PDB file of all heavy atoms in Angstrom:
ATOM      1  N   GLU A   1      18.876   4.988  -6.140  1.00  0.00           N
ATOM      2  CA  GLU A   1      17.583   5.541  -6.518  1.00  0.00           C
ATOM      3  C   GLU A   1      16.542   4.436  -6.698  1.00  0.00           C
ATOM      4  O   GLU A   1      15.351   4.648  -6.448  1.00  0.00           O
ATOM      5  CB  GLU A   1      17.724   6.341  -7.810  1.00  0.00           C
ATOM      6  CG  GLU A   1      18.532   7.623  -7.657  1.00  0.00           C
ATOM      7  CD  GLU A   1      18.553   8.435  -8.933  1.00  0.00           C
ATOM      8  OE1 GLU A   1      17.890   8.014  -9.920  1.00  0.00           O
ATOM      9  OE2 GLU A   1      19.217   9.485  -8.956  1.00  0.00           O
ATOM     10  N   ILE A   2      16.991   3.259  -7.147  1.00  0.00           N
ATOM     11  CA  ILE A   2      16.053   2.144  -7.338  1.00  0.00           C
ATOM     12  C   ILE A   2      15.429   1.735  -6.013  1.00  0.00           C
ATOM     13  O   ILE A   2      14.210   1.536  -5.899  1.00  0.00           O
ATOM     14  CB  ILE A   2      16.772   0.942  -7.995  1.00  0.00           C
ATOM     15  CG1 ILE A   2      17.242   1.308  -9.410  1.00  0.00           C
ATOM     16  CG2 ILE A   2      15.849  -0.277  -8.027  1.00  0.00           C
ATOM     17  CD1 ILE A   2      18.002   0.201 -10.103  1.00  0.00           C
ATOM     18  N   LEU A   3      16.279   1.610  -4.955  1.00  0.00           N
ATOM     19  CA  LEU A   3      15.769   1.242  -3.639  1.00  0.00           C
ATOM     20  C   LEU A   3      14.796   2.307  -3.133  1.00  0.00           C
ATOM     21  O   LEU A   3      13.737   1.977  -2.584  1.00  0.00           O
ATOM     22  CB  LEU A   3      16.923   1.081  -2.651  1.00  0.00           C
ATOM     23  CG  LEU A   3      16.534   0.798  -1.193  1.00  0.00           C
ATOM     24  CD1 LEU A   3      15.714  -0.482  -1.096  1.00  0.00           C
ATOM     25  CD2 LEU A   3      17.774   0.722  -0.304  1.00  0.00           C
ATOM     26  N   GLN A   4      15.139   3.557  -3.340  1.00  0.00           N
ATOM     27  CA  GLN A   4      14.265   4.643  -2.893  1.00  0.00           C
ATOM     28  C   GLN A   4      12.914   4.585  -3.602  1.00  0.00           C
ATOM     29  O   GLN A   4      11.867   4.754  -2.977  1.00  0.00           O
ATOM     30  CB  GLN A   4      14.938   5.985  -3.146  1.00  0.00           C
ATOM     31  CG  GLN A   4      14.276   7.154  -2.440  1.00  0.00           C
ATOM     32  CD  GLN A   4      15.063   8.426  -2.571  1.00  0.00           C
ATOM     33  OE1 GLN A   4      15.559   8.759  -3.640  1.00  0.00           O
ATOM     34  NE2 GLN A   4      15.191   9.172  -1.486  1.00  0.00           N
ATOM     35  N   MET A   5      12.921   4.314  -4.908  1.00  0.00           N
ATOM     36  CA  MET A   5      11.670   4.217  -5.669  1.00  0.00           C
ATOM     37  C   MET A   5      10.830   3.038  -5.191  1.00  0.00           C
ATOM     38  O   MET A   5       9.608   3.131  -5.095  1.00  0.00           O
ATOM     39  CB  MET A   5      11.983   4.100  -7.159  1.00  0.00           C
ATOM     40  CG  MET A   5      12.559   5.369  -7.781  1.00  0.00           C
ATOM     41  SD  MET A   5      13.053   5.139  -9.511  1.00  0.00           S
ATOM     42  CE  MET A   5      11.482   4.702 -10.252  1.00  0.00           C
ATOM     43  N   VAL A   6      11.489   1.915  -4.896  1.00  0.00           N
ATOM     44  CA  VAL A   6      10.763   0.737  -4.412  1.00  0.00           C
ATOM     45  C   VAL A   6      10.096   1.026  -3.071  1.00  0.00           C
ATOM     46  O   VAL A   6       8.926   0.682  -2.850  1.00  0.00           O
ATOM     47  CB  VAL A   6      11.718  -0.462  -4.294  1.00  0.00           C
ATOM     48  CG1 VAL A   6      11.038  -1.617  -3.547  1.00  0.00           C
ATOM     49  CG2 VAL A   6      12.168  -0.936  -5.668  1.00  0.00           C
ATOM     50  N   LEU A   7      10.824   1.683  -2.174  1.00  0.00           N
ATOM     51  CA  LEU A   7      10.285   1.980  -0.850  1.00  0.00           C
ATOM     52  C   LEU A   7       9.114   2.972  -0.928  1.00  0.00           C
ATOM     53  O   LEU A   7       8.107   2.809  -0.235  1.00  0.00           O
ATOM     54  CB  LEU A   7      11.384   2.539   0.045  1.00  0.00           C
ATOM     55  CG  LEU A   7      12.518   1.556   0.396  1.00  0.00           C
ATOM     56  CD1 LEU A   7      13.610   2.246   1.186  1.00  0.00           C
ATOM     57  CD2 LEU A   7      11.973   0.364   1.175  1.00  0.00           C
ATOM     58  N   VAL A   8       9.242   3.977  -1.783  1.00  0.00           N
ATOM     59  CA  VAL A   8       8.136   4.911  -1.979  1.00  0.00           C
ATOM     60  C   VAL A   8       6.941   4.184  -2.579  1.00  0.00           C
ATOM     61  O   VAL A   8       5.786   4.431  -2.202  1.00  0.00           O
ATOM     62  CB  VAL A   8       8.562   6.088  -2.881  1.00  0.00           C
ATOM     63  CG1 VAL A   8       7.361   6.955  -3.248  1.00  0.00           C
ATOM     64  CG2 VAL A   8       9.617   6.932  -2.181  1.00  0.00           C
ATOM     65  N   GLY A   9       7.205   3.263  -3.507  1.00  0.00           N
ATOM     66  CA  GLY A   9       6.133   2.467  -4.100  1.00  0.00           C
ATOM     67  C   GLY A   9       5.386   1.642  -3.064  1.00  0.00           C
ATOM     68  O   GLY A   9       4.150   1.533  -3.111  1.00  0.00           O
ATOM     69  N   LEU A  10       6.128   1.074  -2.116  1.00  0.00           N
ATOM     70  CA  LEU A  10       5.482   0.300  -1.044  1.00  0.00           C
ATOM     71  C   LEU A  10       4.582   1.190  -0.191  1.00  0.00           C
ATOM     72  O   LEU A  10       3.489   0.776   0.219  1.00  0.00           O
ATOM     73  CB  LEU A  10       6.545  -0.358  -0.170  1.00  0.00           C
ATOM     74  CG  LEU A  10       7.359  -1.492  -0.804  1.00  0.00           C
ATOM     75  CD1 LEU A  10       8.420  -1.992   0.172  1.00  0.00           C
ATOM     76  CD2 LEU A  10       6.455  -2.633  -1.227  1.00  0.00           C
ATOM     77  N   ALA A  11       5.030   2.421   0.079  1.00  0.00           N
ATOM     78  CA  ALA A  11       4.215   3.348   0.855  1.00  0.00           C
ATOM     79  C   ALA A  11       2.936   3.711   0.103  1.00  0.00           C
ATOM     80  O   ALA A  11       1.855   3.814   0.694  1.00  0.00           O
ATOM     81  CB  ALA A  11       5.017   4.609   1.186  1.00  0.00           C
ATOM     82  N   VAL A  12       3.043   3.899  -1.209  1.00  0.00           N
ATOM     83  CA  VAL A  12       1.865   4.218  -2.023  1.00  0.00           C
ATOM     84  C   VAL A  12       0.892   3.038  -2.035  1.00  0.00           C
ATOM     85  O   VAL A  12      -0.326   3.214  -1.921  1.00  0.00           O
ATOM     86  CB  VAL A  12       2.283   4.583  -3.462  1.00  0.00           C
ATOM     87  CG1 VAL A  12       1.064   4.723  -4.365  1.00  0.00           C
ATOM     88  CG2 VAL A  12       3.098   5.878  -3.463  1.00  0.00           C
ATOM     89  N   ILE A  13       1.430   1.827  -2.171  1.00  0.00           N
ATOM     90  CA  ILE A  13       0.581   0.630  -2.155  1.00  0.00           C
ATOM     91  C   ILE A  13      -0.143   0.507  -0.815  1.00  0.00           C
ATOM     92  O   ILE A  13      -1.331   0.157  -0.758  1.00  0.00           O
ATOM     93  CB  ILE A  13       1.430  -0.636  -2.430  1.00  0.00           C
ATOM     94  CG1 ILE A  13       1.964  -0.616  -3.862  1.00  0.00           C
ATOM     95  CG2 ILE A  13       0.601  -1.899  -2.193  1.00  0.00           C
ATOM     96  CD1 ILE A  13       2.956  -1.728  -4.153  1.00  0.00           C
ATOM     97  N   ALA A  14       0.559   0.816   0.275  1.00  0.00           N
ATOM     98  CA  ALA A  14      -0.064   0.768   1.600  1.00  0.00           C
ATOM     99  C   ALA A  14      -1.206   1.772   1.698  1.00  0.00           C
ATOM    100  O   ALA A  14      -2.278   1.462   2.234  1.00  0.00           O
ATOM    101  CB  ALA A  14       0.982   1.053   2.675  1.00  0.00           C
ATOM    102  N   LEU A  15      -0.987   2.967   1.158  1.00  0.00           N
ATOM    103  CA  LEU A  15      -2.036   3.988   1.183  1.00  0.00           C
ATOM    104  C   LEU A  15      -3.247   3.548   0.363  1.00  0.00           C
ATOM    105  O   LEU A  15      -4.392   3.711   0.786  1.00  0.00           O
ATOM    106  CB  LEU A  15      -1.491   5.313   0.646  1.00  0.00           C
ATOM    107  CG  LEU A  15      -2.460   6.489   0.604  1.00  0.00           C
ATOM    108  CD1 LEU A  15      -2.980   6.811   2.002  1.00  0.00           C
ATOM    109  CD2 LEU A  15      -1.808   7.719  -0.012  1.00  0.00           C
ATOM    110  N   LEU A  16      -2.991   2.955  -0.797  1.00  0.00           N
ATOM    111  CA  LEU A  16      -4.084   2.445  -1.623  1.00  0.00           C
ATOM    112  C   LEU A  16      -4.817   1.307  -0.913  1.00  0.00           C
ATOM    113  O   LEU A  16      -6.034   1.172  -1.027  1.00  0.00           O
ATOM    114  CB  LEU A  16      -3.540   1.951  -2.970  1.00  0.00           C
ATOM    115  CG  LEU A  16      -3.027   3.040  -3.922  1.00  0.00           C
ATOM    116  CD1 LEU A  16      -2.399   2.396  -5.156  1.00  0.00           C
ATOM    117  CD2 LEU A  16      -4.160   3.973  -4.332  1.00  0.00           C
ATOM    118  N   GLY A  17      -4.076   0.509  -0.170  1.00  0.00           N
ATOM    119  CA  GLY A  17      -4.696  -0.570   0.591  1.00  0.00           C
ATOM    120  C   GLY A  17      -5.655  -0.063   1.634  1.00  0.00           C
ATOM    121  O   GLY A  17      -6.693  -0.675   1.901  1.00  0.00           O
ATOM    122  N   VAL A  18      -5.329   1.105   2.233  1.00  0.00           N
ATOM    123  CA  VAL A  18      -6.211   1.714   3.222  1.00  0.00           C
ATOM    124  C   VAL A  18      -7.467   2.261   2.549  1.00  0.00           C
ATOM    125  O   VAL A  18      -8.594   2.037   3.005  1.00  0.00           O
ATOM    126  CB  VAL A  18      -5.473   2.847   3.974  1.00  0.00           C
ATOM    127  CG1 VAL A  18      -6.440   3.586   4.895  1.00  0.00           C
ATOM    128  CG2 VAL A  18      -4.308   2.287   4.773  1.00  0.00           C
ATOM    129  N   VAL A  19      -7.274   2.985   1.441  1.00  0.00           N
ATOM    130  CA  VAL A  19      -8.396   3.613   0.745  1.00  0.00           C
ATOM    131  C   VAL A  19      -9.331   2.582   0.126  1.00  0.00           C
ATOM    132  O   VAL A  19     -10.556   2.733   0.142  1.00  0.00           O
ATOM    133  CB  VAL A  19      -7.872   4.574  -0.344  1.00  0.00           C
ATOM    134  CG1 VAL A  19      -9.029   5.150  -1.155  1.00  0.00           C
ATOM    135  CG2 VAL A  19      -7.066   5.701   0.281  1.00  0.00           C
ATOM    136  N   LEU A  20      -8.754   1.504  -0.400  1.00  0.00           N
ATOM    137  CA  LEU A  20      -9.535   0.501  -1.137  1.00  0.00           C
ATOM    138  C   LEU A  20      -9.837  -0.746  -0.300  1.00  0.00           C
ATOM    139  O   LEU A  20     -10.089  -1.815  -0.851  1.00  0.00           O
ATOM    140  CB  LEU A  20      -8.782   0.088  -2.407  1.00  0.00           C
ATOM    141  CG  LEU A  20      -8.456   1.216  -3.394  1.00  0.00           C
ATOM    142  CD1 LEU A  20      -7.618   0.691  -4.554  1.00  0.00           C
ATOM    143  CD2 LEU A  20      -9.732   1.871  -3.918  1.00  0.00           C
ATOM    144  N   GLU A  21      -9.827  -0.590   1.010  1.00  0.00           N
ATOM    145  CA  GLU A  21     -10.043  -1.748   1.891  1.00  0.00           C
ATOM    146  C   GLU A  21     -11.347  -2.474   1.575  1.00  0.00           C
ATOM    147  O   GLU A  21     -11.391  -3.709   1.537  1.00  0.00           O
ATOM    148  CB  GLU A  21     -10.041  -1.284   3.342  1.00  0.00           C
ATOM    149  CG  GLU A  21     -10.254  -2.415   4.337  1.00  0.00           C
ATOM    150  CD  GLU A  21     -10.263  -1.927   5.779  1.00  0.00           C
ATOM    151  OE1 GLU A  21     -10.392  -0.705   5.979  1.00  0.00           O
ATOM    152  OE2 GLU A  21     -10.165  -2.760   6.683  1.00  0.00           O
ATOM    153  N   ASP A  22     -12.420  -1.730   1.331  1.00  0.00           N
ATOM    154  CA  ASP A  22     -13.722  -2.349   1.057  1.00  0.00           C
ATOM    155  C   ASP A  22     -13.775  -3.011  -0.310  1.00  0.00           C
ATOM    156  O   ASP A  22     -14.636  -3.861  -0.560  1.00  0.00           O
ATOM    157  CB  ASP A  22     -14.830  -1.292   1.143  1.00  0.00           C
ATOM    158  CG  ASP A  22     -15.019  -0.778   2.562  1.00  0.00           C
ATOM    159  OD1 ASP A  22     -14.688  -1.532   3.499  1.00  0.00           O
ATOM    160  OD2 ASP A  22     -15.480   0.372   2.728  1.00  0.00           O
ATOM    161  N   VAL A  23     -12.856  -2.631  -1.190  1.00  0.00           N
ATOM    162  CA  VAL A  23     -12.833  -3.204  -2.547  1.00  0.00           C
ATOM    163  C   VAL A  23     -12.012  -4.486  -2.588  1.00  0.00           C
ATOM    164  O   VAL A  23     -12.432  -5.498  -3.147  1.00  0.00           O
ATOM    165  CB  VAL A  23     -12.272  -2.180  -3.556  1.00  0.00           C
ATOM    166  CG1 VAL A  23     -12.177  -2.802  -4.956  1.00  0.00           C
ATOM    167  CG2 VAL A  23     -13.139  -0.923  -3.580  1.00  0.00           C
ATOM    168  N   ILE A  24     -10.820  -4.451  -1.969  1.00  0.00           N
ATOM    169  CA  ILE A  24      -9.924  -5.608  -2.024  1.00  0.00           C
ATOM    170  C   ILE A  24     -10.211  -6.611  -0.904  1.00  0.00           C
ATOM    171  O   ILE A  24      -9.694  -7.739  -0.933  1.00  0.00           O
ATOM    172  CB  ILE A  24      -8.456  -5.164  -1.959  1.00  0.00           C
ATOM    173  CG1 ILE A  24      -8.159  -4.443  -0.628  1.00  0.00           C
ATOM    174  CG2 ILE A  24      -8.129  -4.241  -3.128  1.00  0.00           C
ATOM    175  CD1 ILE A  24      -6.708  -4.020  -0.456  1.00  0.00           C
ATOM    176  N   HIS A  25     -11.012  -6.190   0.098  1.00  0.00           N
ATOM    177  CA  HIS A  25     -11.399  -7.065   1.214  1.00  0.00           C
ATOM    178  C   HIS A  25     -10.195  -7.618   1.966  1.00  0.00           C
ATOM    179  O   HIS A  25     -10.169  -8.779   2.379  1.00  0.00           O
ATOM    180  CB  HIS A  25     -12.266  -8.221   0.708  1.00  0.00           C
ATOM    181  CG  HIS A  25     -13.516  -7.769   0.015  1.00  0.00           C
ATOM    182  ND1 HIS A  25     -14.541  -7.106   0.661  1.00  0.00           N
ATOM    183  CD2 HIS A  25     -13.897  -7.849  -1.308  1.00  0.00           C
ATOM    184  CE1 HIS A  25     -15.500  -6.820  -0.203  1.00  0.00           C
ATOM    185  NE2 HIS A  25     -15.141  -7.245  -1.395  1.00  0.00           N
ATOM    186  N   VAL A  26      -9.173  -6.779   2.122  1.00  0.00           N
ATOM    187  CA  VAL A  26      -8.010  -7.117   2.941  1.00  0.00           C
ATOM    188  C   VAL A  26      -7.900  -6.054   4.016  1.00  0.00           C
ATOM    189  O   VAL A  26      -7.848  -4.855   3.709  1.00  0.00           O
ATOM    190  CB  VAL A  26      -6.713  -7.169   2.107  1.00  0.00           C
ATOM    191  CG1 VAL A  26      -5.521  -7.510   3.016  1.00  0.00           C
ATOM    192  CG2 VAL A  26      -6.840  -8.180   0.983  1.00  0.00           C
ATOM    193  N   ASN A  27      -7.865  -6.476   5.258  1.00  0.00           N
ATOM    194  CA  ASN A  27      -7.832  -5.542   6.375  1.00  0.00           C
ATOM    195  C   ASN A  27      -6.643  -4.591   6.258  1.00  0.00           C
ATOM    196  O   ASN A  27      -5.514  -4.999   6.022  1.00  0.00           O
ATOM    197  CB  ASN A  27      -7.737  -6.324   7.685  1.00  0.00           C
ATOM    198  CG  ASN A  27      -7.854  -5.439   8.893  1.00  0.00           C
ATOM    199  OD1 ASN A  27      -6.894  -4.781   9.269  1.00  0.00           O
ATOM    200  ND2 ASN A  27      -9.021  -5.420   9.505  1.00  0.00           N
ATOM    201  N   LYS A  28      -6.913  -3.277   6.459  1.00  0.00           N
ATOM    202  CA  LYS A  28      -5.863  -2.275   6.290  1.00  0.00           C
ATOM    203  C   LYS A  28      -4.733  -2.448   7.305  1.00  0.00           C
ATOM    204  O   LYS A  28      -3.582  -2.085   7.019  1.00  0.00           O
ATOM    205  CB  LYS A  28      -6.454  -0.872   6.392  1.00  0.00           C
ATOM    206  CG  LYS A  28      -7.060  -0.523   7.736  1.00  0.00           C
ATOM    207  CD  LYS A  28      -7.659   0.877   7.727  1.00  0.00           C
ATOM    208  CE  LYS A  28      -8.290   1.231   9.072  1.00  0.00           C
ATOM    209  NZ  LYS A  28      -8.899   2.567   9.063  1.00  0.00           N
ATOM    210  N   ALA A  29      -5.046  -2.976   8.483  1.00  0.00           N
ATOM    211  CA  ALA A  29      -4.005  -3.198   9.483  1.00  0.00           C
ATOM    212  C   ALA A  29      -2.993  -4.231   8.994  1.00  0.00           C
ATOM    213  O   ALA A  29      -1.776  -4.081   9.189  1.00  0.00           O
ATOM    214  CB  ALA A  29      -4.635  -3.654  10.799  1.00  0.00           C
ATOM    215  N   LYS A  30      -3.480  -5.286   8.328  1.00  0.00           N
ATOM    216  CA  LYS A  30      -2.587  -6.322   7.812  1.00  0.00           C
ATOM    217  C   LYS A  30      -1.706  -5.785   6.690  1.00  0.00           C
ATOM    218  O   LYS A  30      -0.513  -6.087   6.620  1.00  0.00           O
ATOM    219  CB  LYS A  30      -3.412  -7.504   7.309  1.00  0.00           C
ATOM    220  CG  LYS A  30      -4.234  -8.194   8.387  1.00  0.00           C
ATOM    221  CD  LYS A  30      -5.127  -9.272   7.814  1.00  0.00           C
ATOM    222  CE  LYS A  30      -5.987  -9.908   8.889  1.00  0.00           C
ATOM    223  NZ  LYS A  30      -6.921 -10.924   8.337  1.00  0.00           N
ATOM    224  N   VAL A  31      -2.306  -4.969   5.821  1.00  0.00           N
ATOM    225  CA  VAL A  31      -1.561  -4.408   4.694  1.00  0.00           C
ATOM    226  C   VAL A  31      -0.454  -3.487   5.184  1.00  0.00           C
ATOM    227  O   VAL A  31       0.720  -3.614   4.787  1.00  0.00           O
ATOM    228  CB  VAL A  31      -2.504  -3.651   3.739  1.00  0.00           C
ATOM    229  CG1 VAL A  31      -1.708  -2.924   2.654  1.00  0.00           C
ATOM    230  CG2 VAL A  31      -3.501  -4.609   3.099  1.00  0.00           C
TER     231      VAL A  31
END
C-alpha cells in the first residue's frame, strides 16, 4: 500500500505541476 500511495502521490504532483506551471515556472513537459 505504501508503494501505491507514493505512485498516486507522484501522479497528483504531476497534475499540480501542469496546473501551476505559471506559478512554479517549470515547464509542464519536464515535470
